[in-house]
Amino acid sequence: MQCTQVRRGMLAKAKGRGKALAACGVLLLALDSGLALAQQDTAYRETQLGLYLSAAEAYELLQNDTNAVLIDVRDPVEVKFTGFAESTDIHVPWSLADRDNFDEQARTWPMVRNADFEAQVAARLAALGVGKDDPIIVMCRSGATRSAPGADVIHAMGYSEVYSVSDGFEGSTLKEGDSQGVRAVNGWRNSGLPWSYEIDPQVAWQP
């Protein structure tokens, strides 16, 4: 009961920052557009292992198996403005906004693949002592374009139990109503799971 109250309090506090999130909407829409352009040929949801968890199932696995680890593969800009799962063990972005090359035609900064993704993930997994058979959970914004290919890369590194979070951190969009298009359905942030705008320095990605 106490944990539930804490989570509700955190969510209430987060909702109170709705105006701040709205102010960042243009930035995040630009990030979305750039991501789509950068990954239109490689984006997919289905992983080679075919292992998937909802955000709620991922949290349950993390609570029940101390060897399980959660990897967030979102761009730091997303994390800054939309929040971070408190259960995150590793943060390594799959792709990053290229701030040095503005795309005038697309009117946004393009997203580019993090060329060091595999090496950075490998180093963090080794530092945590993660075994080849330990559960690894990969999460992006909505379960597409990044968590699936990220999970496949980690599987190719020799890890046998790699999951993609099917609804991601922000979840799915509302299909109707005044808030149509807002990501307010399922996902880690909408499932009553612990999250915060504050990021653990020991977990945050630092290239």
N, C-alpha and C. Protein backbone atom coordinates (compact mmCIF):
# COMPACT_ATOMS: atom_id res chain seq x y z
N MET A 1 0.83 -1.20 0.00
CA MET A 1 0.00 0.00 0.00
C MET A 1 0.87 1.25 0.00
N GLN A 2 1.93 1.25 0.80
CA GLN A 2 2.79 2.41 0.91
C GLN A 2 3.48 2.70 -0.42
N CYS A 3 3.94 1.63 -1.10
CA CYS A 3 4.60 1.79 -2.38
C CYS A 3 3.64 2.37 -3.41
N THR A 4 2.38 1.87 -3.37
CA THR A 4 1.38 2.36 -4.30
C THR A 4 1.13 3.84 -4.11
N GLN A 5 1.07 4.28 -2.85
CA GLN A 5 0.85 5.68 -2.56
C GLN A 5 2.01 6.53 -3.06
N VAL A 6 3.22 6.02 -2.90
CA VAL A 6 4.39 6.75 -3.37
C VAL A 6 4.33 6.92 -4.88
N ARG A 7 3.98 5.82 -5.58
CA ARG A 7 3.90 5.88 -7.03
C ARG A 7 2.84 6.88 -7.48
N ARG A 8 1.67 6.85 -6.81
CA ARG A 8 0.61 7.78 -7.17
C ARG A 8 1.05 9.22 -6.94
N GLY A 9 1.79 9.43 -5.85
CA GLY A 9 2.28 10.77 -5.55
C GLY A 9 3.23 11.25 -6.62
N MET A 10 4.08 10.33 -7.09
CA MET A 10 5.03 10.69 -8.15
C MET A 10 4.30 11.04 -9.44
N LEU A 11 3.25 10.26 -9.75
CA LEU A 11 2.49 10.51 -10.97
C LEU A 11 1.75 11.83 -10.88
N ALA A 12 1.21 12.13 -9.71
CA ALA A 12 0.50 13.39 -9.53
C ALA A 12 1.45 14.56 -9.72
N LYS A 13 2.65 14.43 -9.18
CA LYS A 13 3.66 15.47 -9.32
C LYS A 13 4.02 15.64 -10.78
N ALA A 14 4.15 14.52 -11.49
CA ALA A 14 4.52 14.58 -12.90
C ALA A 14 3.43 15.23 -13.73
N LYS A 15 2.16 14.90 -13.41
CA LYS A 15 1.06 15.47 -14.16
C LYS A 15 1.00 16.98 -13.95
N GLY A 16 1.45 17.41 -12.79
CA GLY A 16 1.44 18.82 -12.49
C GLY A 16 2.41 19.60 -13.36
N ARG A 17 3.28 18.88 -14.02
CA ARG A 17 4.24 19.52 -14.90
C ARG A 17 3.78 19.46 -16.34
N GLY A 18 2.49 19.27 -16.54
CA GLY A 18 1.94 19.14 -17.88
C GLY A 18 2.27 20.30 -18.79
N LYS A 19 2.24 21.52 -18.24
CA LYS A 19 2.54 22.69 -19.06
C LYS A 19 3.99 22.67 -19.54
N ALA A 20 4.86 22.23 -18.67
CA ALA A 20 6.27 22.16 -19.06
C ALA A 20 6.46 21.16 -20.18
N LEU A 21 5.75 20.03 -20.08
CA LEU A 21 5.86 19.02 -21.13
C LEU A 21 5.28 19.54 -22.44
N ALA A 22 4.17 20.29 -22.34
CA ALA A 22 3.56 20.85 -23.54
C ALA A 22 4.52 21.80 -24.23
N ALA A 23 5.26 22.57 -23.44
CA ALA A 23 6.22 23.53 -24.00
C ALA A 23 7.32 22.82 -24.75
N CYS A 24 7.57 21.57 -24.39
CA CYS A 24 8.63 20.80 -25.05
C CYS A 24 8.08 20.00 -26.23
N GLY A 25 6.78 20.15 -26.51
CA GLY A 25 6.16 19.35 -27.55
C GLY A 25 6.81 19.49 -28.90
N VAL A 26 7.14 20.73 -29.29
CA VAL A 26 7.76 20.95 -30.59
C VAL A 26 9.09 20.22 -30.70
N LEU A 27 9.87 20.29 -29.62
CA LEU A 27 11.17 19.62 -29.62
C LEU A 27 11.01 18.12 -29.78
N LEU A 28 10.06 17.53 -29.07
CA LEU A 28 9.88 16.09 -29.15
C LEU A 28 9.28 15.66 -30.49
N LEU A 29 8.42 16.52 -31.07
CA LEU A 29 7.88 16.21 -32.39
C LEU A 29 9.00 16.21 -33.42
N ALA A 30 9.93 17.14 -33.27
CA ALA A 30 11.07 17.18 -34.17
C ALA A 30 11.91 15.92 -34.03
N LEU A 31 12.07 15.48 -32.78
CA LEU A 31 12.83 14.27 -32.51
C LEU A 31 12.15 13.08 -33.18
N ASP A 32 10.80 13.01 -33.07
CA ASP A 32 10.04 11.94 -33.70
C ASP A 32 10.25 11.93 -35.20
N SER A 33 10.16 13.12 -35.82
CA SER A 33 10.30 13.22 -37.27
C SER A 33 11.69 12.78 -37.71
N GLY A 34 12.69 13.24 -37.00
CA GLY A 34 14.05 12.87 -37.34
C GLY A 34 14.28 11.39 -37.19
N LEU A 35 13.68 10.81 -36.16
CA LEU A 35 13.83 9.37 -35.93
C LEU A 35 13.22 8.58 -37.07
N ALA A 36 12.04 9.00 -37.51
CA ALA A 36 11.37 8.30 -38.60
C ALA A 36 12.20 8.37 -39.87
N LEU A 37 12.77 9.54 -40.15
CA LEU A 37 13.58 9.69 -41.35
C LEU A 37 14.84 8.84 -41.29
N ALA A 38 15.46 8.80 -40.12
CA ALA A 38 16.73 8.09 -39.98
C ALA A 38 16.57 6.59 -40.00
N GLN A 39 15.41 6.10 -39.57
CA GLN A 39 15.28 4.66 -39.39
C GLN A 39 14.18 4.02 -40.24
N GLN A 40 13.73 4.72 -41.28
CA GLN A 40 12.62 4.20 -42.06
C GLN A 40 12.94 2.85 -42.72
N ASP A 41 14.22 2.58 -42.94
CA ASP A 41 14.60 1.32 -43.58
C ASP A 41 14.91 0.21 -42.57
N THR A 42 15.08 0.55 -41.30
CA THR A 42 15.50 -0.44 -40.33
C THR A 42 14.55 -0.59 -39.15
N ALA A 43 13.50 0.21 -39.10
CA ALA A 43 12.59 0.17 -37.96
C ALA A 43 11.71 -1.07 -38.01
N TYR A 44 11.59 -1.74 -36.88
CA TYR A 44 10.72 -2.90 -36.79
C TYR A 44 10.41 -3.22 -35.34
N ARG A 45 9.35 -3.99 -35.11
CA ARG A 45 8.93 -4.35 -33.76
C ARG A 45 9.31 -5.79 -33.39
N GLU A 46 9.33 -6.67 -34.38
CA GLU A 46 9.53 -8.08 -34.09
C GLU A 46 11.02 -8.40 -33.95
N THR A 47 11.36 -9.06 -32.85
CA THR A 47 12.76 -9.41 -32.62
C THR A 47 13.03 -10.84 -33.09
N GLN A 48 14.29 -11.16 -33.24
CA GLN A 48 14.66 -12.51 -33.67
C GLN A 48 14.30 -13.55 -32.63
N LEU A 49 14.40 -13.19 -31.35
CA LEU A 49 14.06 -14.13 -30.28
C LEU A 49 12.55 -14.23 -30.07
N GLY A 50 11.83 -13.19 -30.45
CA GLY A 50 10.38 -13.20 -30.25
C GLY A 50 9.98 -13.09 -28.79
N LEU A 51 10.79 -12.40 -27.99
CA LEU A 51 10.50 -12.24 -26.57
C LEU A 51 10.03 -10.81 -26.30
N TYR A 52 8.82 -10.68 -25.73
CA TYR A 52 8.23 -9.37 -25.49
C TYR A 52 7.61 -9.31 -24.10
N LEU A 53 7.63 -8.12 -23.52
CA LEU A 53 6.97 -7.89 -22.24
C LEU A 53 6.25 -6.54 -22.31
N SER A 54 5.11 -6.45 -21.63
CA SER A 54 4.52 -5.13 -21.44
C SER A 54 5.36 -4.44 -20.37
N ALA A 55 5.18 -3.14 -20.21
CA ALA A 55 5.92 -2.42 -19.18
C ALA A 55 5.62 -3.01 -17.80
N ALA A 56 4.35 -3.33 -17.56
CA ALA A 56 3.96 -3.90 -16.26
C ALA A 56 4.63 -5.25 -16.04
N GLU A 57 4.70 -6.08 -17.09
CA GLU A 57 5.34 -7.39 -16.98
C GLU A 57 6.85 -7.23 -16.78
N ALA A 58 7.42 -6.23 -17.43
CA ALA A 58 8.86 -5.98 -17.26
C ALA A 58 9.17 -5.62 -15.82
N TYR A 59 8.34 -4.77 -15.23
CA TYR A 59 8.55 -4.36 -13.84
C TYR A 59 8.43 -5.56 -12.90
N GLU A 60 7.45 -6.42 -13.18
CA GLU A 60 7.26 -7.61 -12.36
C GLU A 60 8.48 -8.53 -12.44
N LEU A 61 9.02 -8.70 -13.64
CA LEU A 61 10.20 -9.54 -13.81
C LEU A 61 11.39 -8.96 -13.05
N LEU A 62 11.55 -7.66 -13.11
CA LEU A 62 12.65 -7.00 -12.42
C LEU A 62 12.53 -7.15 -10.90
N GLN A 63 11.29 -7.17 -10.41
CA GLN A 63 11.07 -7.34 -8.98
C GLN A 63 11.32 -8.78 -8.52
N ASN A 64 11.04 -9.72 -9.40
CA ASN A 64 11.12 -11.14 -9.02
C ASN A 64 12.45 -11.80 -9.34
N ASP A 65 13.24 -11.18 -10.22
CA ASP A 65 14.53 -11.77 -10.61
C ASP A 65 15.61 -10.71 -10.45
N THR A 66 16.44 -10.88 -9.44
CA THR A 66 17.48 -9.87 -9.16
C THR A 66 18.56 -9.82 -10.24
N ASN A 67 18.59 -10.84 -11.10
CA ASN A 67 19.58 -10.84 -12.18
C ASN A 67 19.10 -10.09 -13.42
N ALA A 68 17.81 -9.78 -13.47
CA ALA A 68 17.25 -9.09 -14.63
C ALA A 68 17.72 -7.64 -14.66
N VAL A 69 17.97 -7.11 -15.86
CA VAL A 69 18.39 -5.72 -16.00
C VAL A 69 17.52 -5.02 -17.04
N LEU A 70 17.32 -3.73 -16.84
CA LEU A 70 16.52 -2.91 -17.76
C LEU A 70 17.44 -1.91 -18.46
N ILE A 71 17.39 -1.90 -19.80
CA ILE A 71 18.20 -0.98 -20.60
C ILE A 71 17.28 0.00 -21.32
N ASP A 72 17.49 1.28 -21.11
CA ASP A 72 16.75 2.33 -21.80
C ASP A 72 17.58 2.77 -23.00
N VAL A 73 16.99 2.72 -24.22
CA VAL A 73 17.75 3.04 -25.42
C VAL A 73 17.28 4.33 -26.08
N ARG A 74 16.62 5.21 -25.32
CA ARG A 74 16.12 6.47 -25.86
C ARG A 74 17.21 7.56 -25.87
N ASP A 75 16.99 8.56 -26.70
CA ASP A 75 17.86 9.72 -26.75
C ASP A 75 17.78 10.48 -25.41
N PRO A 76 18.89 11.03 -24.93
CA PRO A 76 18.86 11.77 -23.67
C PRO A 76 17.85 12.91 -23.64
N VAL A 77 17.56 13.51 -24.81
CA VAL A 77 16.57 14.59 -24.87
C VAL A 77 15.20 14.07 -24.45
N GLU A 78 14.83 12.88 -24.92
CA GLU A 78 13.57 12.28 -24.52
C GLU A 78 13.52 12.03 -23.02
N VAL A 79 14.60 11.46 -22.53
CA VAL A 79 14.67 11.15 -21.10
C VAL A 79 14.51 12.42 -20.27
N LYS A 80 15.17 13.48 -20.69
CA LYS A 80 15.12 14.74 -19.95
C LYS A 80 13.71 15.28 -19.84
N PHE A 81 12.95 15.23 -20.93
CA PHE A 81 11.65 15.88 -20.94
C PHE A 81 10.46 14.96 -20.70
N THR A 82 10.64 13.64 -20.79
CA THR A 82 9.51 12.75 -20.56
C THR A 82 9.69 11.83 -19.36
N GLY A 83 10.88 11.78 -18.78
CA GLY A 83 11.07 10.99 -17.58
C GLY A 83 11.86 9.71 -17.80
N PHE A 84 12.11 9.02 -16.69
CA PHE A 84 13.02 7.88 -16.66
C PHE A 84 12.48 6.84 -15.69
N ALA A 85 12.45 5.59 -16.10
CA ALA A 85 12.02 4.52 -15.20
C ALA A 85 13.04 4.35 -14.09
N GLU A 86 12.59 4.34 -12.85
CA GLU A 86 13.52 4.24 -11.73
C GLU A 86 14.23 2.88 -11.67
N SER A 87 13.66 1.90 -12.34
CA SER A 87 14.26 0.56 -12.35
C SER A 87 15.36 0.41 -13.39
N THR A 88 15.64 1.47 -14.16
CA THR A 88 16.64 1.38 -15.23
C THR A 88 18.03 1.09 -14.66
N ASP A 89 18.70 0.12 -15.26
CA ASP A 89 20.06 -0.23 -14.86
C ASP A 89 21.10 0.35 -15.81
N ILE A 90 20.73 0.49 -17.09
CA ILE A 90 21.66 0.96 -18.11
C ILE A 90 20.93 1.92 -19.04
N HIS A 91 21.60 3.01 -19.38
CA HIS A 91 21.06 3.93 -20.39
C HIS A 91 22.09 4.11 -21.49
N VAL A 92 21.78 3.55 -22.66
CA VAL A 92 22.63 3.73 -23.84
C VAL A 92 21.70 3.97 -25.03
N PRO A 93 21.73 5.15 -25.64
CA PRO A 93 20.82 5.45 -26.75
C PRO A 93 21.12 4.64 -28.01
N TRP A 94 20.06 4.17 -28.66
CA TRP A 94 20.20 3.47 -29.93
C TRP A 94 20.52 4.47 -31.04
N SER A 95 19.92 5.65 -30.97
CA SER A 95 20.17 6.71 -31.94
C SER A 95 20.15 8.05 -31.23
N LEU A 96 20.75 9.06 -31.87
CA LEU A 96 20.90 10.37 -31.26
C LEU A 96 20.55 11.47 -32.26
N ALA A 97 20.03 12.58 -31.75
CA ALA A 97 19.77 13.72 -32.61
C ALA A 97 21.10 14.35 -33.01
N ASP A 98 21.27 14.53 -34.31
CA ASP A 98 22.50 15.13 -34.82
C ASP A 98 22.36 16.65 -34.77
N ARG A 99 22.82 17.24 -33.69
CA ARG A 99 22.64 18.66 -33.47
C ARG A 99 23.53 19.54 -34.34
N ASP A 100 24.49 18.94 -35.02
CA ASP A 100 25.42 19.71 -35.85
C ASP A 100 24.97 19.83 -37.30
N ASN A 101 23.93 19.11 -37.67
CA ASN A 101 23.49 19.09 -39.07
C ASN A 101 21.98 19.23 -39.17
N PHE A 102 21.52 20.47 -39.18
CA PHE A 102 20.09 20.72 -39.29
C PHE A 102 19.62 20.40 -40.71
N ASP A 103 18.52 19.64 -40.82
CA ASP A 103 17.97 19.25 -42.11
C ASP A 103 16.92 20.29 -42.50
N GLU A 104 17.27 21.19 -43.42
CA GLU A 104 16.36 22.27 -43.79
C GLU A 104 15.11 21.75 -44.50
N GLN A 105 15.26 20.69 -45.29
CA GLN A 105 14.12 20.15 -46.01
C GLN A 105 13.12 19.51 -45.05
N ALA A 106 13.63 18.75 -44.09
CA ALA A 106 12.76 18.10 -43.10
C ALA A 106 12.41 19.04 -41.95
N ARG A 107 13.15 20.16 -41.86
CA ARG A 107 12.93 21.16 -40.81
C ARG A 107 13.11 20.58 -39.41
N THR A 108 14.14 19.78 -39.27
CA THR A 108 14.45 19.21 -37.96
C THR A 108 15.89 18.70 -37.97
N TRP A 109 16.37 18.28 -36.81
CA TRP A 109 17.68 17.66 -36.72
C TRP A 109 17.52 16.18 -36.98
N PRO A 110 18.32 15.59 -37.85
CA PRO A 110 18.18 14.16 -38.14
C PRO A 110 18.63 13.29 -36.97
N MET A 111 18.12 12.08 -36.94
CA MET A 111 18.55 11.11 -35.96
C MET A 111 19.59 10.21 -36.61
N VAL A 112 20.66 9.95 -35.89
CA VAL A 112 21.72 9.09 -36.42
C VAL A 112 21.97 7.94 -35.45
N ARG A 113 22.30 6.82 -36.02
CA ARG A 113 22.56 5.61 -35.24
C ARG A 113 23.79 5.82 -34.34
N ASN A 114 23.68 5.43 -33.10
CA ASN A 114 24.81 5.47 -32.18
C ASN A 114 25.79 4.36 -32.57
N ALA A 115 26.88 4.75 -33.20
CA ALA A 115 27.84 3.76 -33.71
C ALA A 115 28.51 2.98 -32.60
N ASP A 116 28.47 3.51 -31.40
CA ASP A 116 29.12 2.84 -30.26
C ASP A 116 28.14 2.07 -29.39
N PHE A 117 26.92 1.88 -29.89
CA PHE A 117 25.88 1.23 -29.08
C PHE A 117 26.36 -0.12 -28.54
N GLU A 118 26.82 -0.99 -29.40
CA GLU A 118 27.21 -2.34 -28.97
C GLU A 118 28.33 -2.30 -27.94
N ALA A 119 29.36 -1.50 -28.21
CA ALA A 119 30.49 -1.43 -27.28
C ALA A 119 30.08 -0.84 -25.94
N GLN A 120 29.23 0.18 -25.97
CA GLN A 120 28.80 0.82 -24.72
C GLN A 120 27.91 -0.11 -23.90
N VAL A 121 27.00 -0.81 -24.57
CA VAL A 121 26.14 -1.76 -23.86
C VAL A 121 26.98 -2.90 -23.29
N ALA A 122 27.92 -3.41 -24.07
CA ALA A 122 28.77 -4.50 -23.61
C ALA A 122 29.55 -4.11 -22.37
N ALA A 123 30.07 -2.88 -22.37
CA ALA A 123 30.85 -2.41 -21.22
C ALA A 123 29.98 -2.29 -19.97
N ARG A 124 28.75 -1.79 -20.14
CA ARG A 124 27.87 -1.63 -18.98
C ARG A 124 27.39 -2.98 -18.45
N LEU A 125 27.10 -3.91 -19.36
CA LEU A 125 26.68 -5.25 -18.94
C LEU A 125 27.81 -5.95 -18.18
N ALA A 126 29.02 -5.81 -18.69
CA ALA A 126 30.17 -6.42 -18.03
C ALA A 126 30.40 -5.81 -16.65
N ALA A 127 30.24 -4.50 -16.54
CA ALA A 127 30.44 -3.82 -15.26
C ALA A 127 29.43 -4.28 -14.22
N LEU A 128 28.23 -4.64 -14.67
CA LEU A 128 27.19 -5.11 -13.76
C LEU A 128 27.28 -6.62 -13.51
N GLY A 129 28.16 -7.28 -14.24
CA GLY A 129 28.30 -8.73 -14.07
C GLY A 129 27.13 -9.51 -14.62
N VAL A 130 26.50 -9.00 -15.68
CA VAL A 130 25.33 -9.68 -16.26
C VAL A 130 25.78 -10.92 -17.02
N GLY A 131 25.16 -12.06 -16.70
CA GLY A 131 25.50 -13.32 -17.35
C GLY A 131 24.81 -13.47 -18.68
N LYS A 132 25.34 -14.34 -19.53
CA LYS A 132 24.79 -14.54 -20.87
C LYS A 132 23.36 -15.06 -20.86
N ASP A 133 22.94 -15.70 -19.75
CA ASP A 133 21.59 -16.24 -19.68
C ASP A 133 20.67 -15.39 -18.79
N ASP A 134 21.16 -14.26 -18.31
CA ASP A 134 20.33 -13.40 -17.46
C ASP A 134 19.32 -12.64 -18.31
N PRO A 135 18.14 -12.36 -17.76
CA PRO A 135 17.12 -11.61 -18.51
C PRO A 135 17.56 -10.17 -18.73
N ILE A 136 17.49 -9.72 -19.98
CA ILE A 136 17.80 -8.34 -20.34
C ILE A 136 16.55 -7.74 -21.00
N ILE A 137 16.10 -6.60 -20.50
CA ILE A 137 14.88 -5.96 -20.99
C ILE A 137 15.27 -4.64 -21.65
N VAL A 138 14.84 -4.46 -22.91
CA VAL A 138 15.20 -3.27 -23.66
C VAL A 138 13.94 -2.42 -23.87
N MET A 139 14.03 -1.14 -23.56
CA MET A 139 12.87 -0.26 -23.65
C MET A 139 13.19 1.04 -24.39
N CYS A 140 12.32 1.41 -25.32
CA CYS A 140 12.41 2.72 -25.97
C CYS A 140 11.13 3.49 -25.66
N ARG A 141 10.68 4.33 -26.56
CA ARG A 141 9.49 5.14 -26.29
C ARG A 141 8.20 4.33 -26.36
N SER A 142 8.04 3.54 -27.45
CA SER A 142 6.76 2.87 -27.66
C SER A 142 6.89 1.43 -28.10
N GLY A 143 8.09 0.87 -28.05
CA GLY A 143 8.25 -0.53 -28.42
C GLY A 143 8.54 -0.75 -29.89
N ALA A 144 8.83 0.31 -30.62
CA ALA A 144 9.14 0.18 -32.03
C ALA A 144 10.39 0.99 -32.35
N THR A 145 10.97 0.73 -33.49
CA THR A 145 12.10 1.41 -34.11
C THR A 145 13.43 1.27 -33.38
N ARG A 146 13.42 1.12 -32.03
CA ARG A 146 14.69 1.08 -31.31
C ARG A 146 14.84 -0.12 -30.38
N SER A 147 13.82 -0.42 -29.59
CA SER A 147 13.99 -1.52 -28.63
C SER A 147 14.15 -2.87 -29.34
N ALA A 148 13.42 -3.06 -30.44
CA ALA A 148 13.53 -4.34 -31.16
C ALA A 148 14.90 -4.52 -31.81
N PRO A 149 15.38 -3.57 -32.63
CA PRO A 149 16.72 -3.75 -33.19
C PRO A 149 17.80 -3.74 -32.12
N GLY A 150 17.58 -2.97 -31.04
CA GLY A 150 18.54 -2.98 -29.95
C GLY A 150 18.62 -4.34 -29.29
N ALA A 151 17.44 -4.96 -29.10
CA ALA A 151 17.41 -6.30 -28.51
C ALA A 151 18.11 -7.31 -29.41
N ASP A 152 17.94 -7.16 -30.72
CA ASP A 152 18.58 -8.09 -31.65
C ASP A 152 20.10 -7.96 -31.60
N VAL A 153 20.59 -6.75 -31.48
CA VAL A 153 22.04 -6.54 -31.38
C VAL A 153 22.59 -7.17 -30.11
N ILE A 154 21.87 -7.00 -29.02
CA ILE A 154 22.32 -7.57 -27.74
C ILE A 154 22.27 -9.09 -27.79
N HIS A 155 21.25 -9.63 -28.44
CA HIS A 155 21.18 -11.09 -28.62
C HIS A 155 22.37 -11.57 -29.44
N ALA A 156 22.74 -10.82 -30.49
CA ALA A 156 23.88 -11.19 -31.33
C ALA A 156 25.19 -11.15 -30.56
N MET A 157 25.20 -10.41 -29.45
CA MET A 157 26.39 -10.34 -28.60
C MET A 157 26.54 -11.59 -27.74
N GLY A 158 25.55 -12.48 -27.81
CA GLY A 158 25.64 -13.74 -27.08
C GLY A 158 24.69 -13.89 -25.91
N TYR A 159 23.78 -12.93 -25.72
CA TYR A 159 22.82 -13.01 -24.62
C TYR A 159 21.55 -13.71 -25.10
N SER A 160 21.08 -14.66 -24.32
CA SER A 160 20.04 -15.57 -24.80
C SER A 160 18.61 -15.19 -24.42
N GLU A 161 18.45 -14.29 -23.47
CA GLU A 161 17.09 -13.94 -23.01
C GLU A 161 16.94 -12.42 -23.03
N VAL A 162 16.62 -11.90 -24.21
CA VAL A 162 16.53 -10.45 -24.39
C VAL A 162 15.11 -10.09 -24.81
N TYR A 163 14.46 -9.25 -24.01
CA TYR A 163 13.07 -8.86 -24.24
C TYR A 163 12.98 -7.43 -24.78
N SER A 164 11.96 -7.19 -25.58
CA SER A 164 11.61 -5.83 -26.00
C SER A 164 10.32 -5.45 -25.28
N VAL A 165 10.28 -4.26 -24.69
CA VAL A 165 9.06 -3.79 -24.01
C VAL A 165 8.10 -3.30 -25.07
N SER A 166 6.99 -4.00 -25.23
CA SER A 166 6.08 -3.78 -26.36
C SER A 166 5.38 -2.43 -26.33
N ASP A 167 5.16 -1.85 -25.16
CA ASP A 167 4.48 -0.56 -25.08
C ASP A 167 5.42 0.57 -24.67
N GLY A 168 6.70 0.25 -24.46
CA GLY A 168 7.71 1.26 -24.19
C GLY A 168 7.50 2.07 -22.93
N PHE A 169 8.20 3.19 -22.86
CA PHE A 169 8.11 4.06 -21.68
C PHE A 169 6.88 4.96 -21.73
N GLU A 170 6.61 5.54 -22.90
CA GLU A 170 5.49 6.49 -22.99
C GLU A 170 4.17 5.85 -23.38
N GLY A 171 4.20 4.66 -23.96
CA GLY A 171 2.96 3.98 -24.31
C GLY A 171 2.38 4.41 -25.64
N SER A 172 1.12 4.07 -25.86
CA SER A 172 0.42 4.35 -27.11
C SER A 172 -0.34 5.66 -27.03
N THR A 173 -0.79 6.14 -28.20
CA THR A 173 -1.51 7.41 -28.25
C THR A 173 -3.02 7.22 -28.10
N LEU A 174 -3.66 8.24 -27.56
CA LEU A 174 -5.12 8.26 -27.47
C LEU A 174 -5.68 8.42 -28.88
N LYS A 175 -6.72 7.67 -29.21
CA LYS A 175 -7.28 7.67 -30.56
C LYS A 175 -8.39 8.69 -30.76
N GLU A 176 -8.91 9.24 -29.68
CA GLU A 176 -10.01 10.20 -29.80
C GLU A 176 -10.03 11.12 -28.60
N GLY A 177 -10.91 12.13 -28.65
CA GLY A 177 -11.02 13.06 -27.54
C GLY A 177 -10.13 14.28 -27.70
N ASP A 178 -10.21 15.18 -26.74
CA ASP A 178 -9.44 16.43 -26.80
C ASP A 178 -7.93 16.19 -26.77
N SER A 179 -7.52 15.07 -26.17
CA SER A 179 -6.09 14.77 -26.07
C SER A 179 -5.65 13.73 -27.09
N GLN A 180 -6.40 13.62 -28.19
CA GLN A 180 -6.05 12.65 -29.23
C GLN A 180 -4.61 12.85 -29.68
N GLY A 181 -3.87 11.74 -29.78
CA GLY A 181 -2.48 11.81 -30.20
C GLY A 181 -1.49 11.85 -29.06
N VAL A 182 -1.97 12.13 -27.85
CA VAL A 182 -1.09 12.17 -26.68
C VAL A 182 -0.80 10.74 -26.23
N ARG A 183 0.45 10.48 -25.87
CA ARG A 183 0.82 9.14 -25.42
C ARG A 183 0.40 8.97 -23.95
N ALA A 184 -0.80 8.51 -23.76
CA ALA A 184 -1.36 8.39 -22.41
C ALA A 184 -2.00 7.02 -22.18
N VAL A 185 -1.66 6.05 -23.04
CA VAL A 185 -2.21 4.70 -22.91
C VAL A 185 -1.06 3.73 -22.67
N ASN A 186 -1.18 2.93 -21.63
CA ASN A 186 -0.17 1.92 -21.25
C ASN A 186 1.24 2.51 -21.19
N GLY A 187 2.25 1.68 -21.43
CA GLY A 187 3.63 2.15 -21.28
C GLY A 187 4.01 2.28 -19.81
N TRP A 188 5.29 2.39 -19.56
CA TRP A 188 5.78 2.47 -18.17
C TRP A 188 5.18 3.66 -17.44
N ARG A 189 5.16 4.81 -18.09
CA ARG A 189 4.74 6.04 -17.42
C ARG A 189 3.25 6.07 -17.10
N ASN A 190 2.45 5.35 -17.87
CA ASN A 190 1.00 5.37 -17.66
C ASN A 190 0.48 4.14 -16.92
N SER A 191 1.38 3.30 -16.45
CA SER A 191 0.96 2.05 -15.80
C SER A 191 1.14 2.07 -14.29
N GLY A 192 1.35 3.24 -13.71
CA GLY A 192 1.51 3.33 -12.26
C GLY A 192 2.83 2.78 -11.76
N LEU A 193 3.82 2.69 -12.63
CA LEU A 193 5.13 2.17 -12.26
C LEU A 193 6.04 3.33 -11.85
N PRO A 194 7.04 3.07 -11.01
CA PRO A 194 7.89 4.16 -10.50
C PRO A 194 8.77 4.79 -11.57
N TRP A 195 8.64 6.12 -11.72
CA TRP A 195 9.47 6.86 -12.66
C TRP A 195 9.67 8.27 -12.14
N SER A 196 10.62 8.97 -12.73
CA SER A 196 10.96 10.30 -12.23
C SER A 196 11.62 11.11 -13.33
N TYR A 197 11.65 12.44 -13.16
CA TYR A 197 12.43 13.29 -14.05
C TYR A 197 13.89 13.34 -13.62
N GLU A 198 14.15 12.88 -12.42
CA GLU A 198 15.53 12.85 -11.93
C GLU A 198 16.21 11.56 -12.40
N ILE A 199 17.44 11.70 -12.86
CA ILE A 199 18.17 10.58 -13.45
C ILE A 199 19.36 10.21 -12.58
N ASP A 200 19.47 8.95 -12.25
CA ASP A 200 20.59 8.46 -11.44
C ASP A 200 21.90 8.68 -12.20
N PRO A 201 22.82 9.45 -11.65
CA PRO A 201 24.11 9.70 -12.33
C PRO A 201 24.88 8.43 -12.65
N GLN A 202 24.67 7.38 -11.87
CA GLN A 202 25.37 6.13 -12.09
C GLN A 202 24.79 5.36 -13.29
N VAL A 203 23.59 5.75 -13.71
CA VAL A 203 22.91 5.05 -14.79
C VAL A 203 22.93 5.87 -16.09
N ALA A 204 22.86 7.18 -15.96
CA ALA A 204 22.75 8.07 -17.11
C ALA A 204 23.87 7.85 -18.12
N TRP A 205 23.49 7.92 -19.42
CA TRP A 205 24.47 7.75 -20.49
C TRP A 205 25.44 8.91 -20.50
N GLN A 206 26.69 8.59 -20.51
CA GLN A 206 27.75 9.60 -20.60
C GLN A 206 28.80 9.11 -21.58
N PRO A 207 28.74 9.60 -22.83
CA PRO A 207 29.65 9.08 -23.88
C PRO A 207 31.12 9.35 -23.55
